[in-house]
Amino acid sequence: MITIVFEFLDTTRGQGASSAAALGLPDCWMDALIGDGYIEQRDYIAPGILRRIVARFPTQHHLDQFASSVRQVSKLLGTYAFRASNGISMADFLRN
């Protein structure tokens, strides 16, 4: 099994005309996208809203398809999904 870590960042705070800002990725969307993989860990920023996940997939192809889908859905929701490591921090993300 291949492991991937994704973190979700809000890209809508203070931008645009909408006052409803996305905090992360809704849990129900993640359940719809996971496919043949499974989620080992879920970290929440608010009830039902994911900040970070650790997921496992049987093949690299499954992982790549999942990563592509998550990024596209995140863009639609105003959230930036990035592939992270277990030890990444917001400061590290902003620096890179």
PDB file of N, CA and C in Angstrom:
ATOM      1  N   MET A   1       0.841  -1.184   0.000  1.00  0.00           N
ATOM      2  CA  MET A   1       0.000   0.000   0.000  1.00  0.00           C
ATOM      3  C   MET A   1       0.887   1.250   0.000  1.00  0.00           C
ATOM      4  N   ILE A   2       0.450   2.257  -0.716  1.00  0.00           N
ATOM      5  CA  ILE A   2       1.179   3.515  -0.844  1.00  0.00           C
ATOM      6  C   ILE A   2       0.440   4.581  -0.043  1.00  0.00           C
ATOM      7  N   THR A   3       1.185   5.328   0.757  1.00  0.00           N
ATOM      8  CA  THR A   3       0.591   6.343   1.637  1.00  0.00           C
ATOM      9  C   THR A   3       0.748   7.736   1.041  1.00  0.00           C
ATOM     10  N   ILE A   4      -0.288   8.557   1.217  1.00  0.00           N
ATOM     11  CA  ILE A   4      -0.255   9.956   0.808  1.00  0.00           C
ATOM     12  C   ILE A   4      -0.864  10.799   1.928  1.00  0.00           C
ATOM     13  N   VAL A   5      -0.312  11.982   2.117  1.00  0.00           N
ATOM     14  CA  VAL A   5      -0.853  12.936   3.088  1.00  0.00           C
ATOM     15  C   VAL A   5      -1.279  14.170   2.307  1.00  0.00           C
ATOM     16  N   PHE A   6      -2.518  14.620   2.531  1.00  0.00           N
ATOM     17  CA  PHE A   6      -3.008  15.850   1.914  1.00  0.00           C
ATOM     18  C   PHE A   6      -3.438  16.805   3.003  1.00  0.00           C
ATOM     19  N   GLU A   7      -3.108  18.085   2.821  1.00  0.00           N
ATOM     20  CA  GLU A   7      -3.596  19.145   3.694  1.00  0.00           C
ATOM     21  C   GLU A   7      -4.407  20.097   2.843  1.00  0.00           C
ATOM     22  N   PHE A   8      -5.395  20.710   3.463  1.00  0.00           N
ATOM     23  CA  PHE A   8      -6.314  21.603   2.753  1.00  0.00           C
ATOM     24  C   PHE A   8      -6.240  22.985   3.378  1.00  0.00           C
ATOM     25  N   LEU A   9      -5.952  23.987   2.537  1.00  0.00           N
ATOM     26  CA  LEU A   9      -5.839  25.363   2.990  1.00  0.00           C
ATOM     27  C   LEU A   9      -6.931  26.203   2.361  1.00  0.00           C
ATOM     28  N   ASP A  10      -7.448  27.142   3.120  1.00  0.00           N
ATOM     29  CA  ASP A  10      -8.470  28.061   2.644  1.00  0.00           C
ATOM     30  C   ASP A  10      -7.839  29.082   1.707  1.00  0.00           C
ATOM     31  N   THR A  11      -8.406  29.267   0.541  1.00  0.00           N
ATOM     32  CA  THR A  11      -7.913  30.289  -0.386  1.00  0.00           C
ATOM     33  C   THR A  11      -8.920  31.412  -0.570  1.00  0.00           C
ATOM     34  N   THR A  12     -10.032  31.399   0.161  1.00  0.00           N
ATOM     35  CA  THR A  12     -11.083  32.388  -0.065  1.00  0.00           C
ATOM     36  C   THR A  12     -11.156  33.461   1.014  1.00  0.00           C
ATOM     37  N   ARG A  13     -10.507  33.296   2.129  1.00  0.00           N
ATOM     38  CA  ARG A  13     -10.606  34.278   3.216  1.00  0.00           C
ATOM     39  C   ARG A  13     -10.126  35.637   2.745  1.00  0.00           C
ATOM     40  N   GLY A  14     -10.998  36.625   2.892  1.00  0.00           N
ATOM     41  CA  GLY A  14     -10.640  37.986   2.533  1.00  0.00           C
ATOM     42  C   GLY A  14     -10.618  38.249   1.037  1.00  0.00           C
ATOM     43  N   GLN A  15     -11.115  37.310   0.231  1.00  0.00           N
ATOM     44  CA  GLN A  15     -11.106  37.491  -1.217  1.00  0.00           C
ATOM     45  C   GLN A  15     -12.508  37.320  -1.773  1.00  0.00           C
ATOM     46  N   GLY A  16     -12.787  37.984  -2.841  1.00  0.00           N
ATOM     47  CA  GLY A  16     -14.052  37.808  -3.542  1.00  0.00           C
ATOM     48  C   GLY A  16     -15.239  38.414  -2.821  1.00  0.00           C
ATOM     49  N   ALA A  17     -16.393  38.285  -3.432  1.00  0.00           N
ATOM     50  CA  ALA A  17     -17.613  38.882  -2.898  1.00  0.00           C
ATOM     51  C   ALA A  17     -18.329  37.967  -1.912  1.00  0.00           C
ATOM     52  N   SER A  18     -18.016  36.683  -1.933  1.00  0.00           N
ATOM     53  CA  SER A  18     -18.708  35.727  -1.070  1.00  0.00           C
ATOM     54  C   SER A  18     -18.232  35.852   0.375  1.00  0.00           C
ATOM     55  N   SER A  19     -19.179  35.890   1.288  1.00  0.00           N
ATOM     56  CA  SER A  19     -18.805  35.960   2.702  1.00  0.00           C
ATOM     57  C   SER A  19     -18.626  34.572   3.297  1.00  0.00           C
ATOM     58  N   ALA A  20     -19.065  33.531   2.594  1.00  0.00           N
ATOM     59  CA  ALA A  20     -18.920  32.163   3.074  1.00  0.00           C
ATOM     60  C   ALA A  20     -17.604  31.588   2.574  1.00  0.00           C
ATOM     61  N   ALA A  21     -16.621  31.471   3.444  1.00  0.00           N
ATOM     62  CA  ALA A  21     -15.297  30.992   3.063  1.00  0.00           C
ATOM     63  C   ALA A  21     -15.148  29.510   3.367  1.00  0.00           C
ATOM     64  N   ALA A  22     -14.481  28.814   2.477  1.00  0.00           N
ATOM     65  CA  ALA A  22     -14.218  27.391   2.686  1.00  0.00           C
ATOM     66  C   ALA A  22     -13.111  27.226   3.709  1.00  0.00           C
ATOM     67  N   LEU A  23     -13.302  26.364   4.680  1.00  0.00           N
ATOM     68  CA  LEU A  23     -12.290  26.098   5.691  1.00  0.00           C
ATOM     69  C   LEU A  23     -11.372  24.955   5.302  1.00  0.00           C
ATOM     70  N   GLY A  24     -11.887  24.018   4.595  1.00  0.00           N
ATOM     71  CA  GLY A  24     -11.144  22.817   4.227  1.00  0.00           C
ATOM     72  C   GLY A  24     -11.991  22.032   3.250  1.00  0.00           C
ATOM     73  N   LEU A  25     -11.887  20.728   3.291  1.00  0.00           N
ATOM     74  CA  LEU A  25     -12.670  19.883   2.392  1.00  0.00           C
ATOM     75  C   LEU A  25     -13.735  19.144   3.196  1.00  0.00           C
ATOM     76  N   PRO A  26     -15.007  19.232   2.780  1.00  0.00           N
ATOM     77  CA  PRO A  26     -16.056  18.505   3.498  1.00  0.00           C
ATOM     78  C   PRO A  26     -15.788  16.996   3.515  1.00  0.00           C
ATOM     79  N   ASP A  27     -16.029  16.401   4.651  1.00  0.00           N
ATOM     80  CA  ASP A  27     -15.817  14.973   4.867  1.00  0.00           C
ATOM     81  C   ASP A  27     -16.566  14.124   3.839  1.00  0.00           C
ATOM     82  N   CYS A  28     -17.781  14.505   3.517  1.00  0.00           N
ATOM     83  CA  CYS A  28     -18.593  13.721   2.584  1.00  0.00           C
ATOM     84  C   CYS A  28     -17.987  13.718   1.178  1.00  0.00           C
ATOM     85  N   TRP A  29     -17.297  14.782   0.786  1.00  0.00           N
ATOM     86  CA  TRP A  29     -16.639  14.837  -0.517  1.00  0.00           C
ATOM     87  C   TRP A  29     -15.465  13.867  -0.531  1.00  0.00           C
ATOM     88  N   MET A  30     -14.729  13.825   0.564  1.00  0.00           N
ATOM     89  CA  MET A  30     -13.588  12.915   0.636  1.00  0.00           C
ATOM     90  C   MET A  30     -14.058  11.469   0.524  1.00  0.00           C
ATOM     91  N   ASP A  31     -15.160  11.144   1.203  1.00  0.00           N
ATOM     92  CA  ASP A  31     -15.700   9.786   1.130  1.00  0.00           C
ATOM     93  C   ASP A  31     -16.077   9.419  -0.303  1.00  0.00           C
ATOM     94  N   ALA A  32     -16.550  10.387  -1.069  1.00  0.00           N
ATOM     95  CA  ALA A  32     -16.926  10.138  -2.460  1.00  0.00           C
ATOM     96  C   ALA A  32     -15.710   9.957  -3.359  1.00  0.00           C
ATOM     97  N   LEU A  33     -14.580  10.558  -2.998  1.00  0.00           N
ATOM     98  CA  LEU A  33     -13.382  10.523  -3.844  1.00  0.00           C
ATOM     99  C   LEU A  33     -12.423   9.375  -3.553  1.00  0.00           C
ATOM    100  N   ILE A  34     -12.517   8.750  -2.403  1.00  0.00           N
ATOM    101  CA  ILE A  34     -11.467   7.832  -1.946  1.00  0.00           C
ATOM    102  C   ILE A  34     -11.333   6.583  -2.818  1.00  0.00           C
ATOM    103  N   GLY A  35     -12.389   6.131  -3.439  1.00  0.00           N
ATOM    104  CA  GLY A  35     -12.296   4.991  -4.364  1.00  0.00           C
ATOM    105  C   GLY A  35     -11.777   3.729  -3.715  1.00  0.00           C
ATOM    106  N   ASP A  36     -10.712   3.137  -4.289  1.00  0.00           N
ATOM    107  CA  ASP A  36     -10.156   1.874  -3.805  1.00  0.00           C
ATOM    108  C   ASP A  36      -9.219   2.045  -2.613  1.00  0.00           C
ATOM    109  N   GLY A  37      -8.969   3.269  -2.207  1.00  0.00           N
ATOM    110  CA  GLY A  37      -8.103   3.518  -1.062  1.00  0.00           C
ATOM    111  C   GLY A  37      -8.891   3.543   0.235  1.00  0.00           C
ATOM    112  N   TYR A  38      -8.191   3.841   1.297  1.00  0.00           N
ATOM    113  CA  TYR A  38      -8.871   4.060   2.572  1.00  0.00           C
ATOM    114  C   TYR A  38      -8.124   5.117   3.362  1.00  0.00           C
ATOM    115  N   ILE A  39      -8.845   5.789   4.211  1.00  0.00           N
ATOM    116  CA  ILE A  39      -8.263   6.873   4.988  1.00  0.00           C
ATOM    117  C   ILE A  39      -7.860   6.344   6.354  1.00  0.00           C
ATOM    118  N   GLU A  40      -6.577   6.485   6.667  1.00  0.00           N
ATOM    119  CA  GLU A  40      -6.049   6.053   7.959  1.00  0.00           C
ATOM    120  C   GLU A  40      -6.299   7.077   9.048  1.00  0.00           C
ATOM    121  N   GLN A  41      -6.223   8.341   8.696  1.00  0.00           N
ATOM    122  CA  GLN A  41      -6.336   9.401   9.697  1.00  0.00           C
ATOM    123  C   GLN A  41      -7.037  10.604   9.091  1.00  0.00           C
ATOM    124  N   ARG A  42      -7.902  11.212   9.872  1.00  0.00           N
ATOM    125  CA  ARG A  42      -8.596  12.431   9.471  1.00  0.00           C
ATOM    126  C   ARG A  42      -8.406  13.461  10.571  1.00  0.00           C
ATOM    127  N   ASP A  43      -7.936  14.650  10.205  1.00  0.00           N
ATOM    128  CA  ASP A  43      -7.836  15.766  11.134  1.00  0.00           C
ATOM    129  C   ASP A  43      -8.838  16.817  10.686  1.00  0.00           C
ATOM    130  N   TYR A  44      -9.616  17.313  11.636  1.00  0.00           N
ATOM    131  CA  TYR A  44     -10.682  18.248  11.308  1.00  0.00           C
ATOM    132  C   TYR A  44     -10.345  19.657  11.777  1.00  0.00           C
ATOM    133  N   ILE A  45     -10.761  20.642  10.973  1.00  0.00           N
ATOM    134  CA  ILE A  45     -10.619  22.036  11.354  1.00  0.00           C
ATOM    135  C   ILE A  45     -11.938  22.543  11.952  1.00  0.00           C
ATOM    136  N   ALA A  46     -13.028  21.898  11.590  1.00  0.00           N
ATOM    137  CA  ALA A  46     -14.369  22.182  12.105  1.00  0.00           C
ATOM    138  C   ALA A  46     -15.169  20.894  11.941  1.00  0.00           C
ATOM    139  N   PRO A  47     -16.300  20.777  12.611  1.00  0.00           N
ATOM    140  CA  PRO A  47     -17.090  19.545  12.470  1.00  0.00           C
ATOM    141  C   PRO A  47     -17.436  19.262  10.998  1.00  0.00           C
ATOM    142  N   GLY A  48     -17.011  18.102  10.523  1.00  0.00           N
ATOM    143  CA  GLY A  48     -17.302  17.683   9.159  1.00  0.00           C
ATOM    144  C   GLY A  48     -16.405  18.286   8.090  1.00  0.00           C
ATOM    145  N   ILE A  49     -15.425  19.110   8.488  1.00  0.00           N
ATOM    146  CA  ILE A  49     -14.531  19.766   7.530  1.00  0.00           C
ATOM    147  C   ILE A  49     -13.099  19.307   7.780  1.00  0.00           C
ATOM    148  N   LEU A  50     -12.522  18.674   6.773  1.00  0.00           N
ATOM    149  CA  LEU A  50     -11.174  18.119   6.905  1.00  0.00           C
ATOM    150  C   LEU A  50     -10.093  19.177   6.718  1.00  0.00           C
ATOM    151  N   ARG A  51      -9.094  19.107   7.575  1.00  0.00           N
ATOM    152  CA  ARG A  51      -7.897  19.928   7.428  1.00  0.00           C
ATOM    153  C   ARG A  51      -6.773  19.097   6.829  1.00  0.00           C
ATOM    154  N   ARG A  52      -6.758  17.803   7.148  1.00  0.00           N
ATOM    155  CA  ARG A  52      -5.662  16.934   6.729  1.00  0.00           C
ATOM    156  C   ARG A  52      -6.124  15.482   6.731  1.00  0.00           C
ATOM    157  N   ILE A  53      -5.598  14.711   5.779  1.00  0.00           N
ATOM    158  CA  ILE A  53      -5.877  13.274   5.744  1.00  0.00           C
ATOM    159  C   ILE A  53      -4.593  12.505   5.489  1.00  0.00           C
ATOM    160  N   VAL A  54      -4.570  11.277   5.953  1.00  0.00           N
ATOM    161  CA  VAL A  54      -3.540  10.311   5.595  1.00  0.00           C
ATOM    162  C   VAL A  54      -4.289   9.152   4.962  1.00  0.00           C
ATOM    163  N   ALA A  55      -3.997   8.878   3.690  1.00  0.00           N
ATOM    164  CA  ALA A  55      -4.729   7.844   2.955  1.00  0.00           C
ATOM    165  C   ALA A  55      -3.751   6.827   2.375  1.00  0.00           C
ATOM    166  N   ARG A  56      -4.260   5.624   2.134  1.00  0.00           N
ATOM    167  CA  ARG A  56      -3.445   4.543   1.549  1.00  0.00           C
ATOM    168  C   ARG A  56      -4.151   4.004   0.317  1.00  0.00           C
ATOM    169  N   PHE A  57      -3.323   3.631  -0.683  1.00  0.00           N
ATOM    170  CA  PHE A  57      -3.843   3.119  -1.946  1.00  0.00           C
ATOM    171  C   PHE A  57      -3.062   1.887  -2.373  1.00  0.00           C
ATOM    172  N   PRO A  58      -3.723   0.972  -3.115  1.00  0.00           N
ATOM    173  CA  PRO A  58      -3.060  -0.272  -3.501  1.00  0.00           C
ATOM    174  C   PRO A  58      -1.970  -0.079  -4.565  1.00  0.00           C
ATOM    175  N   THR A  59      -2.112   0.924  -5.436  1.00  0.00           N
ATOM    176  CA  THR A  59      -1.118   1.141  -6.495  1.00  0.00           C
ATOM    177  C   THR A  59      -0.847   2.631  -6.665  1.00  0.00           C
ATOM    178  N   GLN A  60       0.250   2.931  -7.323  1.00  0.00           N
ATOM    179  CA  GLN A  60       0.593   4.327  -7.627  1.00  0.00           C
ATOM    180  C   GLN A  60      -0.456   4.946  -8.547  1.00  0.00           C
ATOM    181  N   HIS A  61      -0.995   4.155  -9.468  1.00  0.00           N
ATOM    182  CA  HIS A  61      -2.028   4.661 -10.377  1.00  0.00           C
ATOM    183  C   HIS A  61      -3.255   5.125  -9.596  1.00  0.00           C
ATOM    184  N   HIS A  62      -3.706   4.338  -8.632  1.00  0.00           N
ATOM    185  CA  HIS A  62      -4.845   4.734  -7.801  1.00  0.00           C
ATOM    186  C   HIS A  62      -4.540   6.031  -7.062  1.00  0.00           C
ATOM    187  N   LEU A  63      -3.344   6.122  -6.496  1.00  0.00           N
ATOM    188  CA  LEU A  63      -2.948   7.310  -5.755  1.00  0.00           C
ATOM    189  C   LEU A  63      -2.926   8.540  -6.659  1.00  0.00           C
ATOM    190  N   ASP A  64      -2.358   8.416  -7.849  1.00  0.00           N
ATOM    191  CA  ASP A  64      -2.275   9.543  -8.779  1.00  0.00           C
ATOM    192  C   ASP A  64      -3.658  10.025  -9.197  1.00  0.00           C
ATOM    193  N   GLN A  65      -4.565   9.096  -9.453  1.00  0.00           N
ATOM    194  CA  GLN A  65      -5.931   9.468  -9.839  1.00  0.00           C
ATOM    195  C   GLN A  65      -6.641  10.178  -8.690  1.00  0.00           C
ATOM    196  N   PHE A  66      -6.478   9.669  -7.488  1.00  0.00           N
ATOM    197  CA  PHE A  66      -7.065  10.302  -6.307  1.00  0.00           C
ATOM    198  C   PHE A  66      -6.507  11.716  -6.125  1.00  0.00           C
ATOM    199  N   ALA A  67      -5.196  11.869  -6.216  1.00  0.00           N
ATOM    200  CA  ALA A  67      -4.563  13.176  -6.017  1.00  0.00           C
ATOM    201  C   ALA A  67      -5.082  14.194  -7.027  1.00  0.00           C
ATOM    202  N   SER A  68      -5.195  13.795  -8.268  1.00  0.00           N
ATOM    203  CA  SER A  68      -5.705  14.677  -9.310  1.00  0.00           C
ATOM    204  C   SER A  68      -7.152  15.085  -9.023  1.00  0.00           C
ATOM    205  N   SER A  69      -7.973  14.136  -8.644  1.00  0.00           N
ATOM    206  CA  SER A  69      -9.381  14.412  -8.350  1.00  0.00           C
ATOM    207  C   SER A  69      -9.543  15.329  -7.150  1.00  0.00           C
ATOM    208  N   VAL A  70      -8.783  15.082  -6.095  1.00  0.00           N
ATOM    209  CA  VAL A  70      -8.871  15.908  -4.889  1.00  0.00           C
ATOM    210  C   VAL A  70      -8.478  17.350  -5.198  1.00  0.00           C
ATOM    211  N   ARG A  71      -7.433  17.523  -5.971  1.00  0.00           N
ATOM    212  CA  ARG A  71      -6.995  18.886  -6.316  1.00  0.00           C
ATOM    213  C   ARG A  71      -8.069  19.627  -7.117  1.00  0.00           C
ATOM    214  N   GLN A  72      -8.696  18.944  -8.066  1.00  0.00           N
ATOM    215  CA  GLN A  72      -9.724  19.588  -8.878  1.00  0.00           C
ATOM    216  C   GLN A  72     -10.951  19.952  -8.046  1.00  0.00           C
ATOM    217  N   VAL A  73     -11.407  19.041  -7.201  1.00  0.00           N
ATOM    218  CA  VAL A  73     -12.564  19.315  -6.344  1.00  0.00           C
ATOM    219  C   VAL A  73     -12.241  20.446  -5.367  1.00  0.00           C
ATOM    220  N   SER A  74     -11.052  20.438  -4.827  1.00  0.00           N
ATOM    221  CA  SER A  74     -10.649  21.484  -3.884  1.00  0.00           C
ATOM    222  C   SER A  74     -10.688  22.861  -4.526  1.00  0.00           C
ATOM    223  N   LYS A  75     -10.218  22.951  -5.765  1.00  0.00           N
ATOM    224  CA  LYS A  75     -10.258  24.237  -6.479  1.00  0.00           C
ATOM    225  C   LYS A  75     -11.685  24.746  -6.597  1.00  0.00           C
ATOM    226  N   LEU A  76     -12.603  23.843  -6.909  1.00  0.00           N
ATOM    227  CA  LEU A  76     -14.007  24.238  -7.044  1.00  0.00           C
ATOM    228  C   LEU A  76     -14.585  24.754  -5.731  1.00  0.00           C
ATOM    229  N   LEU A  77     -14.089  24.229  -4.623  1.00  0.00           N
ATOM    230  CA  LEU A  77     -14.609  24.610  -3.310  1.00  0.00           C
ATOM    231  C   LEU A  77     -13.854  25.773  -2.684  1.00  0.00           C
ATOM    232  N   GLY A  78     -12.838  26.297  -3.350  1.00  0.00           N
ATOM    233  CA  GLY A  78     -12.073  27.410  -2.816  1.00  0.00           C
ATOM    234  C   GLY A  78     -11.041  26.995  -1.787  1.00  0.00           C
ATOM    235  N   THR A  79     -10.634  25.742  -1.851  1.00  0.00           N
ATOM    236  CA  THR A  79      -9.641  25.217  -0.915  1.00  0.00           C
ATOM    237  C   THR A  79      -8.452  24.718  -1.718  1.00  0.00           C
ATOM    238  N   TYR A  80      -7.260  24.954  -1.222  1.00  0.00           N
ATOM    239  CA  TYR A  80      -6.055  24.486  -1.889  1.00  0.00           C
ATOM    240  C   TYR A  80      -5.609  23.179  -1.245  1.00  0.00           C
ATOM    241  N   ALA A  81      -5.553  22.110  -2.033  1.00  0.00           N
ATOM    242  CA  ALA A  81      -5.098  20.809  -1.541  1.00  0.00           C
ATOM    243  C   ALA A  81      -3.652  20.630  -1.942  1.00  0.00           C
ATOM    244  N   PHE A  82      -2.796  20.350  -0.977  1.00  0.00           N
ATOM    245  CA  PHE A  82      -1.413  20.084  -1.325  1.00  0.00           C
ATOM    246  C   PHE A  82      -0.939  18.818  -0.645  1.00  0.00           C
ATOM    247  N   ARG A  83      -0.058  18.137  -1.360  1.00  0.00           N
ATOM    248  CA  ARG A  83       0.514  16.898  -0.852  1.00  0.00           C
ATOM    249  C   ARG A  83       1.549  17.271   0.186  1.00  0.00           C
ATOM    250  N   ALA A  84       1.404  16.736   1.356  1.00  0.00           N
ATOM    251  CA  ALA A  84       2.246  17.113   2.486  1.00  0.00           C
ATOM    252  C   ALA A  84       2.979  15.901   3.034  1.00  0.00           C
ATOM    253  N   SER A  85       3.811  16.167   3.995  1.00  0.00           N
ATOM    254  CA  SER A  85       4.441  15.098   4.753  1.00  0.00           C
ATOM    255  C   SER A  85       3.913  15.190   6.177  1.00  0.00           C
ATOM    256  N   ASN A  86       4.154  14.187   6.969  1.00  0.00           N
ATOM    257  CA  ASN A  86       3.619  14.186   8.325  1.00  0.00           C
ATOM    258  C   ASN A  86       4.112  15.347   9.170  1.00  0.00           C
ATOM    259  N   GLY A  87       5.287  15.907   8.851  1.00  0.00           N
ATOM    260  CA  GLY A  87       5.860  16.945   9.692  1.00  0.00           C
ATOM    261  C   GLY A  87       5.780  18.348   9.137  1.00  0.00           C
ATOM    262  N   ILE A  88       5.057  18.568   8.017  1.00  0.00           N
ATOM    263  CA  ILE A  88       5.034  19.894   7.410  1.00  0.00           C
ATOM    264  C   ILE A  88       4.215  20.867   8.246  1.00  0.00           C
ATOM    265  N   SER A  89       4.651  22.084   8.270  1.00  0.00           N
ATOM    266  CA  SER A  89       3.916  23.127   8.998  1.00  0.00           C
ATOM    267  C   SER A  89       3.495  24.212   8.011  1.00  0.00           C
ATOM    268  N   MET A  90       2.621  25.095   8.452  1.00  0.00           N
ATOM    269  CA  MET A  90       2.164  26.194   7.610  1.00  0.00           C
ATOM    270  C   MET A  90       3.359  27.080   7.229  1.00  0.00           C
ATOM    271  N   ALA A  91       4.265  27.328   8.157  1.00  0.00           N
ATOM    272  CA  ALA A  91       5.448  28.155   7.867  1.00  0.00           C
ATOM    273  C   ALA A  91       6.280  27.528   6.762  1.00  0.00           C
ATOM    274  N   ASP A  92       6.448  26.206   6.802  1.00  0.00           N
ATOM    275  CA  ASP A  92       7.196  25.503   5.763  1.00  0.00           C
ATOM    276  C   ASP A  92       6.488  25.655   4.399  1.00  0.00           C
ATOM    277  N   PHE A  93       5.176  25.543   4.420  1.00  0.00           N
ATOM    278  CA  PHE A  93       4.414  25.667   3.186  1.00  0.00           C
ATOM    279  C   PHE A  93       4.561  27.065   2.592  1.00  0.00           C
ATOM    280  N   LEU A  94       4.427  28.094   3.418  1.00  0.00           N
ATOM    281  CA  LEU A  94       4.512  29.465   2.932  1.00  0.00           C
ATOM    282  C   LEU A  94       5.924  29.815   2.462  1.00  0.00           C
ATOM    283  N   ARG A  95       6.915  29.237   3.091  1.00  0.00           N
ATOM    284  CA  ARG A  95       8.306  29.493   2.710  1.00  0.00           C
ATOM    285  C   ARG A  95       8.592  28.912   1.328  1.00  0.00           C
ATOM    286  N   ASN A  96       7.997  27.779   0.991  1.00  0.00           N
ATOM    287  CA  ASN A  96       8.241  27.138  -0.316  1.00  0.00           C
ATOM    288  C   ASN A  96       7.271  27.669  -1.291  1.00  0.00           C
TER     289      ASN A  96
END
